[in-house]
Each structure stands twice: as C-alpha cells, then as structure tokens.
Protein backbone atom coordinates (compact mmCIF):
# COMPACT_ATOMS: atom_id res chain seq x y z
CA MET A 1 0.22 0.11 -0.10
CA ALA A 2 1.65 3.14 -1.03
CA ASN A 3 1.81 6.03 1.73
CA GLN A 4 2.64 9.11 -0.97
CA TYR A 5 1.04 10.04 -4.18
CA SER A 6 2.16 12.98 -6.44
CA ILE A 7 -0.70 14.29 -8.72
CA GLN A 8 -0.87 16.75 -11.53
CA LEU A 9 -3.76 19.44 -10.82
CA THR A 10 -5.02 22.73 -12.78
CA ARG A 11 -5.19 26.05 -10.50
CA ASP A 12 -8.77 25.66 -11.23
CA GLU A 13 -8.84 22.04 -9.73
CA ALA A 14 -6.87 23.07 -6.84
CA ALA A 15 -9.09 25.69 -6.11
CA THR A 16 -11.71 23.52 -6.27
CA LEU A 17 -10.34 21.00 -3.92
CA LYS A 18 -8.97 23.24 -1.42
CA LYS A 19 -13.22 24.57 -1.08
CA LYS A 20 -13.77 20.74 -0.42
CA LEU A 21 -10.80 20.46 2.32
CA VAL A 22 -12.28 23.90 4.04
CA SER A 23 -15.82 22.40 4.70
CA SER A 24 -14.45 19.01 5.56
CA PRO A 25 -14.30 18.97 9.21
CA GLY A 26 -11.40 16.08 9.43
CA PHE A 27 -9.13 18.49 7.56
CA ARG A 28 -6.72 21.29 9.43
CA PRO A 29 -5.41 24.03 7.83
CA SER A 30 -1.78 24.04 7.87
CA GLU A 31 1.35 25.58 6.27
CA ARG A 32 4.14 24.44 4.39
CA ASP A 33 6.89 26.20 2.20
CA TYR A 34 6.24 26.74 -1.56
CA ALA A 35 2.52 25.30 -1.05
CA ASP A 36 -0.36 27.64 -1.81
CA PHE A 37 -2.17 25.64 0.71
CA CYS A 38 -1.65 22.67 3.00
CA PHE A 39 -4.19 21.01 4.93
CA GLU A 40 -3.80 17.49 7.46
CA SER A 41 -6.11 15.08 8.96
CA ASP A 42 -4.89 12.35 11.41
CA ALA A 43 -4.08 10.03 8.59
CA ALA A 44 -2.85 11.87 5.68
CA ASN A 45 -1.31 15.33 5.00
CA VAL A 46 -2.20 17.22 1.51
CA ALA A 47 -0.14 20.39 0.09
CA TYR A 48 -0.68 21.99 -3.31
CA TYR A 49 2.47 23.22 -5.52
CA PRO A 50 1.29 25.71 -8.03
CA LYS A 51 4.64 26.09 -9.62
CA LYS A 52 4.60 22.70 -11.18
CA GLY A 53 1.01 22.27 -10.35
CA ARG A 54 1.29 19.09 -8.17
CA LEU A 55 -0.68 18.18 -5.26
CA LEU A 56 1.36 16.18 -2.49
CA ILE A 57 -0.56 13.56 -0.51
CA GLN A 58 1.15 11.82 2.22
CA GLY A 59 0.60 9.62 5.10
CA ARG A 60 -0.99 5.95 6.00
CA GLY A 61 -4.47 7.24 4.61
CA ALA A 62 -2.72 8.60 1.10
CA GLU A 63 -4.01 6.07 -0.83
CA ALA A 64 -7.95 6.26 0.67
CA PHE A 65 -7.42 10.11 0.29
CA VAL A 66 -6.97 9.59 -3.80
CA ARG A 67 -9.63 6.97 -3.79
CA ASP A 68 -12.44 8.37 -1.75
CA VAL A 69 -11.59 12.31 -1.95
CA LEU A 70 -9.84 12.19 -5.59
CA GLN A 71 -11.84 9.77 -6.71
CA LEU A 72 -8.83 8.11 -8.76
CA ALA A 73 -8.02 4.43 -8.66
CA PRO A 74 -4.87 4.27 -6.88
CA GLU A 75 -1.85 2.06 -8.42
CA GLU A 76 -0.92 0.01 -5.58
CA LYS A 77 2.00 -1.10 -6.66
CA ALA A 78 3.72 2.14 -7.63
CA PRO A 79 5.26 4.47 -4.94
CA SER A 80 3.73 7.43 -7.07
CA LEU A 81 0.53 8.13 -9.05
CA LYS A 82 1.35 10.61 -11.44
CA THR A 83 -1.72 11.55 -13.72
CA THR A 84 -4.00 14.52 -14.81
CA LEU A 85 -6.97 14.65 -13.02
CA PRO A 86 -10.01 15.44 -15.61
CA ALA A 87 -12.10 17.27 -12.97
CA LEU A 88 -12.57 17.24 -9.48
CA VAL A 89 -16.10 16.43 -8.17
CA ASP A 90 -17.53 19.44 -5.86
CA THR A 91 -19.40 17.91 -3.24
CA THR A 92 -19.88 20.76 -1.20
CA PRO A 93 -23.57 21.28 -0.64
CA HIS A 94 -25.11 23.60 -3.79
CA PHE A 95 -27.33 24.37 -6.30
CA GLY A 96 -26.63 23.72 -9.94
CA VAL A 97 -28.68 25.30 -12.75
CA ASP A 98 -28.99 24.96 -16.29
CA GLU A 99 -31.74 25.38 -19.08
CA SER A 100 -33.09 23.76 -22.19
CA GLY A 101 -35.00 24.91 -25.13
CA LYS A 102 -33.61 28.52 -25.58
CA GLY A 103 -32.02 28.05 -28.94
CA ASP A 104 -34.94 26.29 -30.62
CA TYR A 105 -37.84 27.69 -32.46
CA PHE A 106 -40.35 24.95 -31.53
CA GLY A 107 -41.05 23.75 -28.03
CA PRO A 108 -40.81 25.38 -24.51
CA LEU A 109 -38.13 26.96 -22.71
CA VAL A 110 -37.19 24.86 -19.66
CA VAL A 111 -35.28 25.80 -16.23
CA ALA A 112 -33.94 22.68 -13.76
CA GLY A 113 -32.23 23.04 -10.83
CA VAL A 114 -30.60 19.99 -8.77
CA TYR A 115 -29.02 20.07 -5.38
CA SER A 116 -25.95 18.27 -4.57
CA ASP A 117 -23.54 17.64 -1.70
CA GLU A 118 -21.29 15.16 -0.11
CA ARG A 119 -24.05 12.27 0.00
CA CYS A 120 -24.88 12.39 -3.55
CA ALA A 121 -22.45 13.50 -5.69
CA ALA A 122 -20.43 10.77 -6.33
CA GLU A 123 -23.47 8.78 -7.29
CA LEU A 124 -24.43 11.16 -9.98
CA VAL A 125 -20.71 11.03 -11.47
CA ARG A 126 -21.44 7.33 -11.64
CA LEU A 127 -25.16 7.88 -13.25
CA GLY A 128 -23.19 9.76 -15.94
CA CYS A 129 -23.89 13.12 -15.41
CA LYS A 130 -22.43 15.72 -18.06
CA ASP A 131 -23.42 18.19 -20.19
CA SER A 132 -26.88 16.91 -21.94
CA LYS A 133 -25.20 18.44 -25.08
CA SER A 134 -22.69 15.80 -24.99
CA ILE A 135 -25.42 13.23 -24.64
CA PRO A 136 -27.23 12.78 -28.40
CA ASP A 137 -29.12 9.92 -27.42
CA ASP A 138 -32.79 10.91 -26.36
CA LYS A 139 -33.15 7.99 -24.89
CA LYS A 140 -30.18 7.80 -22.70
CA ILE A 141 -31.14 11.25 -21.52
CA HIS A 142 -34.36 10.03 -19.85
CA ALA A 143 -32.97 6.99 -18.41
CA ILE A 144 -30.60 9.06 -16.70
CA ALA A 145 -32.80 11.65 -15.53
CA GLU A 146 -35.06 9.14 -13.85
CA LYS A 147 -32.29 8.15 -11.82
CA ILE A 148 -31.17 11.42 -10.88
CA LYS A 149 -34.89 11.56 -9.26
CA LYS A 150 -34.47 8.80 -7.38
CA THR A 151 -30.91 9.19 -6.12
CA ALA A 152 -30.96 9.84 -2.44
CA GLY A 153 -29.82 13.10 -1.43
CA VAL A 154 -30.91 14.48 -4.31
CA VAL A 155 -33.10 17.56 -4.37
CA TYR A 156 -34.70 19.13 -7.77
CA GLU A 157 -37.16 21.62 -9.27
CA VAL A 158 -37.87 21.96 -13.06
CA ILE A 159 -40.00 24.65 -14.46
CA CYS A 160 -41.44 24.39 -18.06
CA ILE A 161 -42.44 27.68 -19.70
CA GLY A 162 -44.48 26.63 -22.49
CA PRO A 163 -44.55 28.75 -25.73
CA ARG A 164 -47.86 30.47 -25.00
CA ARG A 165 -46.76 31.93 -21.53
CA TYR A 166 -42.99 32.59 -23.06
CA ASN A 167 -44.32 34.52 -25.79
CA GLU A 168 -46.32 36.49 -23.00
CA LEU A 169 -43.22 37.29 -20.82
CA TYR A 170 -41.02 37.51 -23.82
CA SER A 171 -43.53 40.40 -24.80
CA GLU A 172 -43.42 41.76 -21.35
CA MET A 173 -39.69 41.99 -21.03
CA GLY A 174 -38.40 42.39 -24.21
CA ASN A 175 -35.32 40.21 -23.61
CA LEU A 176 -34.55 36.91 -23.34
CA ASN A 177 -31.71 37.37 -20.60
CA ARG A 178 -34.03 38.74 -18.57
CA LEU A 179 -36.70 35.82 -19.55
CA LEU A 180 -33.32 33.43 -18.62
CA ALA A 181 -32.34 35.01 -15.18
CA TRP A 182 -36.48 35.19 -13.81
CA GLY A 183 -36.80 31.29 -14.78
CA HIS A 184 -33.23 30.69 -13.09
CA ALA A 185 -33.97 32.66 -10.11
CA ARG A 186 -37.64 30.97 -9.85
CA VAL A 187 -36.16 27.44 -9.76
CA ILE A 188 -33.28 28.80 -7.06
CA ALA A 189 -36.04 30.04 -4.81
CA ALA A 190 -37.82 27.01 -5.02
CA LEU A 191 -34.66 24.84 -3.88
CA HIS A 192 -34.15 27.28 -1.42
CA GLU A 193 -37.51 26.69 0.05
CA LYS A 194 -36.68 22.77 0.10
CA VAL A 195 -33.19 23.10 1.19
CA PRO A 196 -32.91 26.47 3.29
CA THR A 197 -29.55 25.87 4.61
CA CYS A 198 -27.66 25.53 1.06
CA PRO A 199 -25.43 28.18 1.06
CA ARG A 200 -24.75 28.77 -3.14
CA ALA A 201 -25.89 28.30 -6.46
CA LEU A 202 -24.15 27.81 -9.76
CA SER A 203 -24.94 28.90 -13.04
CA ASP A 204 -23.68 28.81 -16.38
CA GLN A 205 -21.78 32.81 -17.60
CA PHE A 206 -25.00 35.61 -18.48
CA ALA A 207 -23.94 37.96 -20.89
CA ASN A 208 -24.72 40.38 -18.09
CA GLU A 209 -24.05 38.91 -14.65
CA TRP A 210 -25.96 41.66 -13.12
CA VAL A 211 -29.18 40.32 -14.87
CA LEU A 212 -29.40 37.04 -12.73
CA LYS A 213 -28.15 38.64 -9.45
CA ARG A 214 -30.97 41.49 -9.61
CA ALA A 215 -33.56 38.70 -10.31
CA LEU A 216 -32.45 36.45 -7.59
CA GLY A 217 -31.91 39.54 -5.25
CA GLN A 218 -35.64 40.74 -6.09
CA ARG A 219 -36.72 37.73 -4.19
CA HIS A 220 -34.56 38.00 -1.38
CA ILE A 221 -33.20 34.52 -1.20
CA PRO A 222 -29.89 34.38 0.94
CA VAL A 223 -28.05 32.55 -1.37
CA GLN A 224 -24.39 33.34 -2.81
CA LEU A 225 -24.86 33.28 -6.64
CA GLU A 226 -21.72 31.94 -8.73
CA GLN A 227 -21.71 32.12 -12.31
CA ARG A 228 -19.00 30.65 -14.81
CA THR A 229 -18.60 29.84 -18.13
CA LYS A 230 -18.96 25.63 -18.73
CA ALA A 231 -20.68 25.49 -15.40
CA GLU A 232 -22.08 22.10 -17.16
CA SER A 233 -18.70 20.44 -15.90
CA ASP A 234 -20.28 20.86 -12.35
CA VAL A 235 -21.84 17.76 -11.64
CA ALA A 236 -25.07 19.25 -9.85
CA VAL A 237 -25.02 21.55 -13.00
CA ALA A 238 -24.85 18.75 -15.15
CA ALA A 239 -27.77 16.74 -13.82
CA ALA A 240 -29.95 19.87 -13.78
CA SER A 241 -28.71 20.30 -17.78
CA ILE A 242 -30.36 16.70 -18.04
CA LEU A 243 -33.36 16.97 -16.52
CA ALA A 244 -33.93 20.07 -18.65
CA ARG A 245 -33.46 18.38 -21.94
CA ASP A 246 -35.40 15.54 -20.93
CA ARG A 247 -38.58 17.73 -20.38
CA PHE A 248 -37.63 19.65 -23.09
CA VAL A 249 -37.80 16.67 -25.43
CA GLN A 250 -40.62 14.94 -23.70
CA TRP A 251 -42.53 18.48 -24.37
CA VAL A 252 -41.70 18.49 -27.97
CA GLN A 253 -42.37 14.79 -28.75
CA GLN A 254 -45.76 14.94 -27.22
CA ALA A 255 -46.55 18.16 -28.78
CA SER A 256 -45.73 16.67 -32.23
CA ALA A 257 -47.87 13.74 -31.63
CA ALA A 258 -50.79 15.56 -30.61
CA SER A 259 -50.55 18.03 -33.36
CA GLN A 260 -49.44 15.17 -36.45
CA CYS A 261 -47.09 18.02 -37.52
CA PRO A 262 -42.96 17.14 -36.96
CA MET A 263 -41.44 19.71 -34.57
CA PRO A 264 -37.64 19.27 -35.38
CA LEU A 265 -34.99 21.40 -32.89
CA GLY A 266 -32.90 24.49 -33.67
CA CYS A 267 -33.55 27.01 -35.96
CA ALA A 268 -32.01 26.25 -39.33
CA PRO A 269 -34.16 25.96 -42.44
CA HIS A 270 -35.76 22.87 -42.12
CA VAL A 271 -37.71 24.32 -38.80
CA THR A 272 -38.86 26.85 -41.07
CA ARG A 273 -40.33 24.17 -43.90
CA ALA A 274 -41.70 22.87 -40.71
CA ALA A 275 -43.36 25.86 -39.19
CA LYS A 276 -45.04 26.31 -42.61
CA HIS A 277 -46.56 23.09 -42.33
CA PHE A 278 -48.12 23.62 -39.01
CA VAL A 279 -49.64 26.92 -40.05
CA GLU A 280 -51.09 25.26 -42.93
CA THR A 281 -52.20 22.25 -41.03
CA HIS A 282 -53.61 24.58 -37.79
CA GLY A 283 -53.68 28.25 -38.75
CA MET A 284 -51.31 31.25 -37.79
CA GLU A 285 -53.07 31.88 -34.50
CA ARG A 286 -52.21 28.17 -33.16
CA LEU A 287 -48.31 28.70 -34.07
CA GLN A 288 -48.00 30.42 -30.75
CA ASP A 289 -48.78 27.60 -28.71
CA VAL A 290 -45.95 25.30 -29.94
CA ALA A 291 -43.31 28.35 -30.97
CA LYS A 292 -41.63 31.02 -29.89
CA LEU A 293 -42.74 33.95 -32.04
CA HIS A 294 -39.76 36.51 -31.91
CA PHE A 295 -37.60 34.28 -33.83
CA LYS A 296 -36.66 35.17 -37.36
CA VAL A 297 -38.37 32.19 -38.42
CA THR A 298 -41.65 33.86 -37.87
CA GLN A 299 -41.11 36.52 -39.99
CA LYS A 300 -40.13 33.78 -42.84
CA LEU A 301 -43.82 32.75 -42.42
CA VAL A 302 -45.79 36.33 -43.12
C-alpha cells in the first residue's frame, strides 16, 4: 500500500479541492513552504504546489484520500501516482441550474435545478451526469434523468415555460436574458424553500451577470450566486441540464404527436419548412402554442 502520491492539478482543480477541504471537518489548515495550501488530518497530509501544479498526498491515509476524495484508482504497486485529474467533483452543498430550449424555435423553455452534496455527488457522477449536449441519445438522457430523480440526497426543481406563456413573458420583458434570469431565480427560490441551509448556487455565465443577480435579489433569497463559463462541468449543473433537456424533449415529442406535425429542434431552414406546414395545417393563431414567435423563423412565415 503506497503512502505517498503526486498528482498533477490545474489551478482551477486545486481551488475546487481547497474549497472541499475547508468544509471537511476531518482536515485542519496547515502551512508548508512554497505550498499554495496545506491541510492535515489524522491520517494524511495534503499540499498543493502551484509552480509545478503538483498535489502531494502523504501518510497512511494517502491511498484512501486518492480513492475517496479525488475518486481515482490508486496503482498499488507504484510508489507514486502521476496522472492528470480530468475534473474534481465538487461535493460541497450547492444548487446547480441550467436550461434547455432557448435556441429552439419549437417547444418550451425549461429551467431545472439540482441540489447536490457529499451524499450524492459521487452517485451522480456514476450515473453519467455530464452536459446534456454531449449526450446525443434522447433515450439515454431520459434514463439518466429518471435515475437522478431517485438518487438519495438529490433535491430537484423543473419549471417548463410553455410557448404561449413564453411569448407573453418575452413580450413583457423584451429580452431573452431577463426571461432566462427570471426562470433561474424562480428555480433557485423553489430549491431554497426545500433546502434552506444550502449556501450557494451555480449557473452558466450570463452575458450580463447582474441580470441574474438582480432577479435573485428581488426574491430576497440569501444564497451566494456563482456564474462561470462551462458550468456544466459541475455535477449538479450537469444533472440539471439533463433534467431540463429531458423535459424539453418530452414536451416536443408529445406536441408533435398531438398536432400530427413534426417539430424539429433548432432554427435551421428545415425548421422553417416545418413551421410552414404547421401553419398550413392548424393556422397562424395556433403557432403561438408551439413556437417562440420572436425568432426570425416567424418573419419568414408572414
């Protein structure tokens, strides 16, 4: 059994690990020369050296730390493990929020949120939670979504803004970012009611970050908001993206079957042809029930 491991980490990965160790009761902050941070427990010492991007784990509990905290498989015969960690899983309590449908002419705008913590983060990873855009199979997305909902410790919220309501809100707000912020804030507020002790929420970066902060502040929710690009790399945001995509796809499939008109995703030329077919079949008035009218596709129908 090895009692020392050396692992390459990026600064972002190291920052995630530091945040995790700060909230872990078994670890105490310490100091070590040239180390960006150092933590000690009764079984292991952990230090990160930013110059070489190296995380050093020492002590009789080093292997357990690599396996349980970093979720890597230690090589028992090797005195050290040199590898690049693809992404550290954030197991601290937080909400992850994401949306689906904002770039699709047909269908609703769906916003979903997931609460994750140390109890369920590893299980969400095991289920295959990642950015839904990287999972092309809708059946697989649906299967993972159903498992997410049944995972112990997970709390979730999904709101589906149907096209008619979406068109009303867009007409009132006149801006997609404001509408998105309204949906995100509503989901975070609902999750906060279910888990009032959760300290923060994470979402993808808004074009104007203050739009979402303002929407959340109007609801007086005491949750620290963090926005960053490619937030879907976080397991809670990834799980939320899967729930949102699944609800969106289910809605489009049901609406297509009910109207007997295909409703392709996106807003490419074939979508315009499908919209023309829908109008020819059901009339222009019914279009607001299935499509986002502010898209340029609508102008091509008039």
